[in-house]
PDB file of all heavy atoms in Angstrom:
ATOM      1  N   LEU A   1      87.538 102.171 103.766  1.00  0.00           N
ATOM      2  CA  LEU A   1      87.786 101.041 104.662  1.00  0.00           C
ATOM      3  C   LEU A   1      89.073 101.245 105.450  1.00  0.00           C
ATOM      4  O   LEU A   1      89.128 100.989 106.662  1.00  0.00           O
ATOM      5  CB  LEU A   1      87.856  99.754 103.836  1.00  0.00           C
ATOM      6  CG  LEU A   1      87.938  98.424 104.590  1.00  0.00           C
ATOM      7  CD1 LEU A   1      86.711  98.223 105.462  1.00  0.00           C
ATOM      8  CD2 LEU A   1      88.063  97.272 103.596  1.00  0.00           C
ATOM      9  N   ALA A   2      90.107 101.729 104.787  1.00  0.00           N
ATOM     10  CA  ALA A   2      91.380 101.985 105.467  1.00  0.00           C
ATOM     11  C   ALA A   2      91.233 103.075 106.525  1.00  0.00           C
ATOM     12  O   ALA A   2      91.897 103.030 107.570  1.00  0.00           O
ATOM     13  CB  ALA A   2      92.436 102.376 104.435  1.00  0.00           C
ATOM     14  N   GLN A   3      90.347 104.046 106.257  1.00  0.00           N
ATOM     15  CA  GLN A   3      90.161 105.153 107.204  1.00  0.00           C
ATOM     16  C   GLN A   3      89.474 104.710 108.499  1.00  0.00           C
ATOM     17  O   GLN A   3      89.517 105.429 109.494  1.00  0.00           O
ATOM     18  CB  GLN A   3      89.346 106.256 106.533  1.00  0.00           C
ATOM     19  CG  GLN A   3      90.107 106.981 105.424  1.00  0.00           C
ATOM     20  CD  GLN A   3      89.262 107.957 104.645  1.00  0.00           C
ATOM     21  OE1 GLN A   3      88.045 107.996 104.797  1.00  0.00           O
ATOM     22  NE2 GLN A   3      89.895 108.744 103.784  1.00  0.00           N
ATOM     23  N   LEU A   4      88.873 103.533 108.507  1.00  0.00           N
ATOM     24  CA  LEU A   4      88.278 103.014 109.744  1.00  0.00           C
ATOM     25  C   LEU A   4      89.353 102.615 110.756  1.00  0.00           C
ATOM     26  O   LEU A   4      89.086 102.521 111.953  1.00  0.00           O
ATOM     27  CB  LEU A   4      87.385 101.808 109.444  1.00  0.00           C
ATOM     28  CG  LEU A   4      86.094 102.084 108.678  1.00  0.00           C
ATOM     29  CD1 LEU A   4      85.353 100.783 108.392  1.00  0.00           C
ATOM     30  CD2 LEU A   4      85.187 103.041 109.438  1.00  0.00           C
ATOM     31  N   GLN A   5      90.553 102.358 110.262  1.00  0.00           N
ATOM     32  CA  GLN A   5      91.723 102.055 111.109  1.00  0.00           C
ATOM     33  C   GLN A   5      91.446 100.892 112.058  1.00  0.00           C
ATOM     34  O   GLN A   5      91.746 100.942 113.250  1.00  0.00           O
ATOM     35  CB  GLN A   5      92.151 103.301 111.896  1.00  0.00           C
ATOM     36  CG  GLN A   5      92.596 104.443 110.999  1.00  0.00           C
ATOM     37  CD  GLN A   5      93.070 105.656 111.779  1.00  0.00           C
ATOM     38  OE1 GLN A   5      92.815 105.785 112.978  1.00  0.00           O
ATOM     39  NE2 GLN A   5      93.766 106.561 111.106  1.00  0.00           N
ATOM     40  N   ASN A   6      90.865  99.835 111.505  1.00  0.00           N
ATOM     41  CA  ASN A   6      90.614  98.619 112.275  1.00  0.00           C
ATOM     42  C   ASN A   6      91.036  97.442 111.397  1.00  0.00           C
ATOM     43  O   ASN A   6      90.391  97.133 110.398  1.00  0.00           O
ATOM     44  CB  ASN A   6      89.136  98.515 112.648  1.00  0.00           C
ATOM     45  CG  ASN A   6      88.843  97.347 113.583  1.00  0.00           C
ATOM     46  OD1 ASN A   6      89.199  96.216 113.289  1.00  0.00           O
ATOM     47  ND2 ASN A   6      88.193  97.641 114.696  1.00  0.00           N
ATOM     48  N   THR A   7      92.143  96.806 111.768  1.00  0.00           N
ATOM     49  CA  THR A   7      92.720  95.766 110.906  1.00  0.00           C
ATOM     50  C   THR A   7      91.792  94.567 110.746  1.00  0.00           C
ATOM     51  O   THR A   7      91.736  93.964 109.666  1.00  0.00           O
ATOM     52  CB  THR A   7      94.070  95.291 111.464  1.00  0.00           C
ATOM     53  OG1 THR A   7      93.901  94.881 112.837  1.00  0.00           O
ATOM     54  CG2 THR A   7      95.095  96.403 111.395  1.00  0.00           C
ATOM     55  N   LYS A   8      91.043  94.222 111.787  1.00  0.00           N
ATOM     56  CA  LYS A   8      90.144  93.066 111.676  1.00  0.00           C
ATOM     57  C   LYS A   8      89.005  93.361 110.707  1.00  0.00           C
ATOM     58  O   LYS A   8      88.611  92.506 109.916  1.00  0.00           O
ATOM     59  CB  LYS A   8      89.582  92.676 113.041  1.00  0.00           C
ATOM     60  CG  LYS A   8      88.730  91.408 112.972  1.00  0.00           C
ATOM     61  CD  LYS A   8      88.275  90.938 114.330  1.00  0.00           C
ATOM     62  CE  LYS A   8      87.433  89.661 114.202  1.00  0.00           C
ATOM     63  NZ  LYS A   8      86.963  89.176 115.532  1.00  0.00           N
ATOM     64  N   VAL A   9      88.489  94.587 110.762  1.00  0.00           N
ATOM     65  CA  VAL A   9      87.415  94.972 109.842  1.00  0.00           C
ATOM     66  C   VAL A   9      87.931  94.966 108.409  1.00  0.00           C
ATOM     67  O   VAL A   9      87.243  94.485 107.491  1.00  0.00           O
ATOM     68  CB  VAL A   9      86.848  96.357 110.215  1.00  0.00           C
ATOM     69  CG1 VAL A   9      85.913  96.869 109.133  1.00  0.00           C
ATOM     70  CG2 VAL A   9      86.104  96.276 111.545  1.00  0.00           C
ATOM     71  N   VAL A  10      89.132  95.498 108.220  1.00  0.00           N
ATOM     72  CA  VAL A  10      89.732  95.488 106.876  1.00  0.00           C
ATOM     73  C   VAL A  10      89.889  94.052 106.382  1.00  0.00           C
ATOM     74  O   VAL A  10      89.590  93.736 105.218  1.00  0.00           O
ATOM     75  CB  VAL A  10      91.105  96.195 106.886  1.00  0.00           C
ATOM     76  CG1 VAL A  10      91.814  96.004 105.544  1.00  0.00           C
ATOM     77  CG2 VAL A  10      90.931  97.684 107.181  1.00  0.00           C
ATOM     78  N   GLU A  11      90.334  93.159 107.264  1.00  0.00           N
ATOM     79  CA  GLU A  11      90.507  91.755 106.889  1.00  0.00           C
ATOM     80  C   GLU A  11      89.166  91.113 106.522  1.00  0.00           C
ATOM     81  O   GLU A  11      89.071  90.387 105.514  1.00  0.00           O
ATOM     82  CB  GLU A  11      91.147  90.994 108.051  1.00  0.00           C
ATOM     83  CG  GLU A  11      91.363  89.516 107.764  1.00  0.00           C
ATOM     84  CD  GLU A  11      91.921  88.775 108.971  1.00  0.00           C
ATOM     85  OE1 GLU A  11      92.268  89.431 109.973  1.00  0.00           O
ATOM     86  OE2 GLU A  11      91.997  87.534 108.903  1.00  0.00           O
ATOM     87  N   LEU A  12      88.127  91.380 107.315  1.00  0.00           N
ATOM     88  CA  LEU A  12      86.815  90.794 107.055  1.00  0.00           C
ATOM     89  C   LEU A  12      86.246  91.245 105.707  1.00  0.00           C
ATOM     90  O   LEU A  12      85.798  90.435 104.892  1.00  0.00           O
ATOM     91  CB  LEU A  12      85.847  91.172 108.176  1.00  0.00           C
ATOM     92  CG  LEU A  12      85.957  90.393 109.485  1.00  0.00           C
ATOM     93  CD1 LEU A  12      85.127  91.064 110.574  1.00  0.00           C
ATOM     94  CD2 LEU A  12      85.494  88.954 109.284  1.00  0.00           C
ATOM     95  N   ILE A  13      86.259  92.553 105.467  1.00  0.00           N
ATOM     96  CA  ILE A  13      85.661  93.078 104.232  1.00  0.00           C
ATOM     97  C   ILE A  13      86.506  92.698 103.020  1.00  0.00           C
ATOM     98  O   ILE A  13      85.965  92.405 101.940  1.00  0.00           O
ATOM     99  CB  ILE A  13      85.493  94.611 104.318  1.00  0.00           C
ATOM    100  CG1 ILE A  13      84.638  94.984 105.543  1.00  0.00           C
ATOM    101  CG2 ILE A  13      84.846  95.133 103.047  1.00  0.00           C
ATOM    102  CD1 ILE A  13      83.262  94.335 105.559  1.00  0.00           C
ATOM    103  N   SER A  14      87.830  92.661 103.182  1.00  0.00           N
ATOM    104  CA  SER A  14      88.698  92.238 102.076  1.00  0.00           C
ATOM    105  C   SER A  14      88.414  90.794 101.698  1.00  0.00           C
ATOM    106  O   SER A  14      88.362  90.446 100.508  1.00  0.00           O
ATOM    107  CB  SER A  14      90.164  92.398 102.460  1.00  0.00           C
ATOM    108  OG  SER A  14      90.482  93.752 102.718  1.00  0.00           O
ATOM    109  N   SER A  15      88.214  89.939 102.709  1.00  0.00           N
ATOM    110  CA  SER A  15      87.912  88.535 102.415  1.00  0.00           C
ATOM    111  C   SER A  15      86.543  88.411 101.761  1.00  0.00           C
ATOM    112  O   SER A  15      86.324  87.533 100.918  1.00  0.00           O
ATOM    113  CB  SER A  15      87.970  87.696 103.696  1.00  0.00           C
ATOM    114  OG  SER A  15      86.946  88.070 104.611  1.00  0.00           O
ATOM    115  N   ALA A  16      85.600  89.297 102.121  1.00  0.00           N
ATOM    116  CA  ALA A  16      84.275  89.284 101.499  1.00  0.00           C
ATOM    117  C   ALA A  16      84.372  89.658 100.018  1.00  0.00           C
ATOM    118  O   ALA A  16      83.673  89.080  99.175  1.00  0.00           O
ATOM    119  CB  ALA A  16      83.340  90.244 102.230  1.00  0.00           C
ATOM    120  N   ILE A  17      85.241  90.621  99.699  1.00  0.00           N
ATOM    121  CA  ILE A  17      85.458  90.986  98.292  1.00  0.00           C
ATOM    122  C   ILE A  17      86.026  89.792  97.533  1.00  0.00           C
ATOM    123  O   ILE A  17      85.618  89.485  96.406  1.00  0.00           O
ATOM    124  CB  ILE A  17      86.393  92.200  98.188  1.00  0.00           C
ATOM    125  CG1 ILE A  17      85.714  93.446  98.777  1.00  0.00           C
ATOM    126  CG2 ILE A  17      86.792  92.453  96.733  1.00  0.00           C
ATOM    127  CD1 ILE A  17      86.617  94.661  98.853  1.00  0.00           C
ATOM    128  N   GLY A  18      86.961  89.091  98.168  1.00  0.00           N
ATOM    129  CA  GLY A  18      87.519  87.896  97.548  1.00  0.00           C
ATOM    130  C   GLY A  18      86.460  86.822  97.311  1.00  0.00           C
ATOM    131  O   GLY A  18      86.445  86.162  96.265  1.00  0.00           O
ATOM    132  N   ASP A  19      85.564  86.659  98.283  1.00  0.00           N
ATOM    133  CA  ASP A  19      84.470  85.691  98.128  1.00  0.00           C
ATOM    134  C   ASP A  19      83.570  86.071  96.960  1.00  0.00           C
ATOM    135  O   ASP A  19      83.147  85.216  96.174  1.00  0.00           O
ATOM    136  CB  ASP A  19      83.640  85.618  99.415  1.00  0.00           C
ATOM    137  CG  ASP A  19      84.406  84.983 100.569  1.00  0.00           C
ATOM    138  OD1 ASP A  19      85.356  84.229 100.305  1.00  0.00           O
ATOM    139  OD2 ASP A  19      84.050  85.247 101.730  1.00  0.00           O
ATOM    140  N   LEU A  20      83.260  87.365  96.858  1.00  0.00           N
ATOM    141  CA  LEU A  20      82.422  87.841  95.756  1.00  0.00           C
ATOM    142  C   LEU A  20      83.049  87.541  94.399  1.00  0.00           C
ATOM    143  O   LEU A  20      82.377  87.049  93.483  1.00  0.00           O
ATOM    144  CB  LEU A  20      82.194  89.353  95.897  1.00  0.00           C
ATOM    145  CG  LEU A  20      80.954  89.824  96.637  1.00  0.00           C
ATOM    146  CD1 LEU A  20      81.021  91.330  96.859  1.00  0.00           C
ATOM    147  CD2 LEU A  20      79.700  89.470  95.867  1.00  0.00           C
ATOM    148  N   VAL A  21      84.322  87.841  94.278  1.00  0.00           N
ATOM    149  CA  VAL A  21      85.020  87.592  93.016  1.00  0.00           C
ATOM    150  C   VAL A  21      84.978  86.107  92.671  1.00  0.00           C
ATOM    151  O   VAL A  21      84.686  85.725  91.534  1.00  0.00           O
ATOM    152  CB  VAL A  21      86.485  88.077  93.103  1.00  0.00           C
ATOM    153  CG1 VAL A  21      87.265  87.641  91.866  1.00  0.00           C
ATOM    154  CG2 VAL A  21      86.538  89.596  93.246  1.00  0.00           C
ATOM    155  N   GLN A  22      85.244  85.267  93.669  1.00  0.00           N
ATOM    156  CA  GLN A  22      85.245  83.820  93.436  1.00  0.00           C
ATOM    157  C   GLN A  22      83.856  83.329  93.033  1.00  0.00           C
ATOM    158  O   GLN A  22      83.713  82.542  92.085  1.00  0.00           O
ATOM    159  CB  GLN A  22      85.707  83.097  94.698  1.00  0.00           C
ATOM    160  CG  GLN A  22      85.832  81.580  94.526  1.00  0.00           C
ATOM    161  CD  GLN A  22      86.335  80.897  95.783  1.00  0.00           C
ATOM    162  OE1 GLN A  22      86.815  81.549  96.711  1.00  0.00           O
ATOM    163  NE2 GLN A  22      86.225  79.585  95.825  1.00  0.00           N
ATOM    164  N   GLY A  23      82.826  83.803  93.728  1.00  0.00           N
ATOM    165  CA  GLY A  23      81.474  83.375  93.430  1.00  0.00           C
ATOM    166  C   GLY A  23      81.007  83.818  92.056  1.00  0.00           C
ATOM    167  O   GLY A  23      80.403  83.027  91.306  1.00  0.00           O
ATOM    168  N   ILE A  24      81.274  85.063  91.686  1.00  0.00           N
ATOM    169  CA  ILE A  24      80.836  85.584  90.392  1.00  0.00           C
ATOM    170  C   ILE A  24      81.640  84.943  89.262  1.00  0.00           C
ATOM    171  O   ILE A  24      81.097  84.644  88.188  1.00  0.00           O
ATOM    172  CB  ILE A  24      80.973  87.119  90.360  1.00  0.00           C
ATOM    173  CG1 ILE A  24      79.986  87.739  91.355  1.00  0.00           C
ATOM    174  CG2 ILE A  24      80.721  87.659  88.962  1.00  0.00           C
ATOM    175  CD1 ILE A  24      80.169  89.216  91.567  1.00  0.00           C
TER     176      ILE A  24
END
């Protein structure tokens, strides 16, 4: 994800991981 070098994409996917953790 870091190698994509796009801060918005990193923010989106990081927040999705957070959502997954919260939901599970």
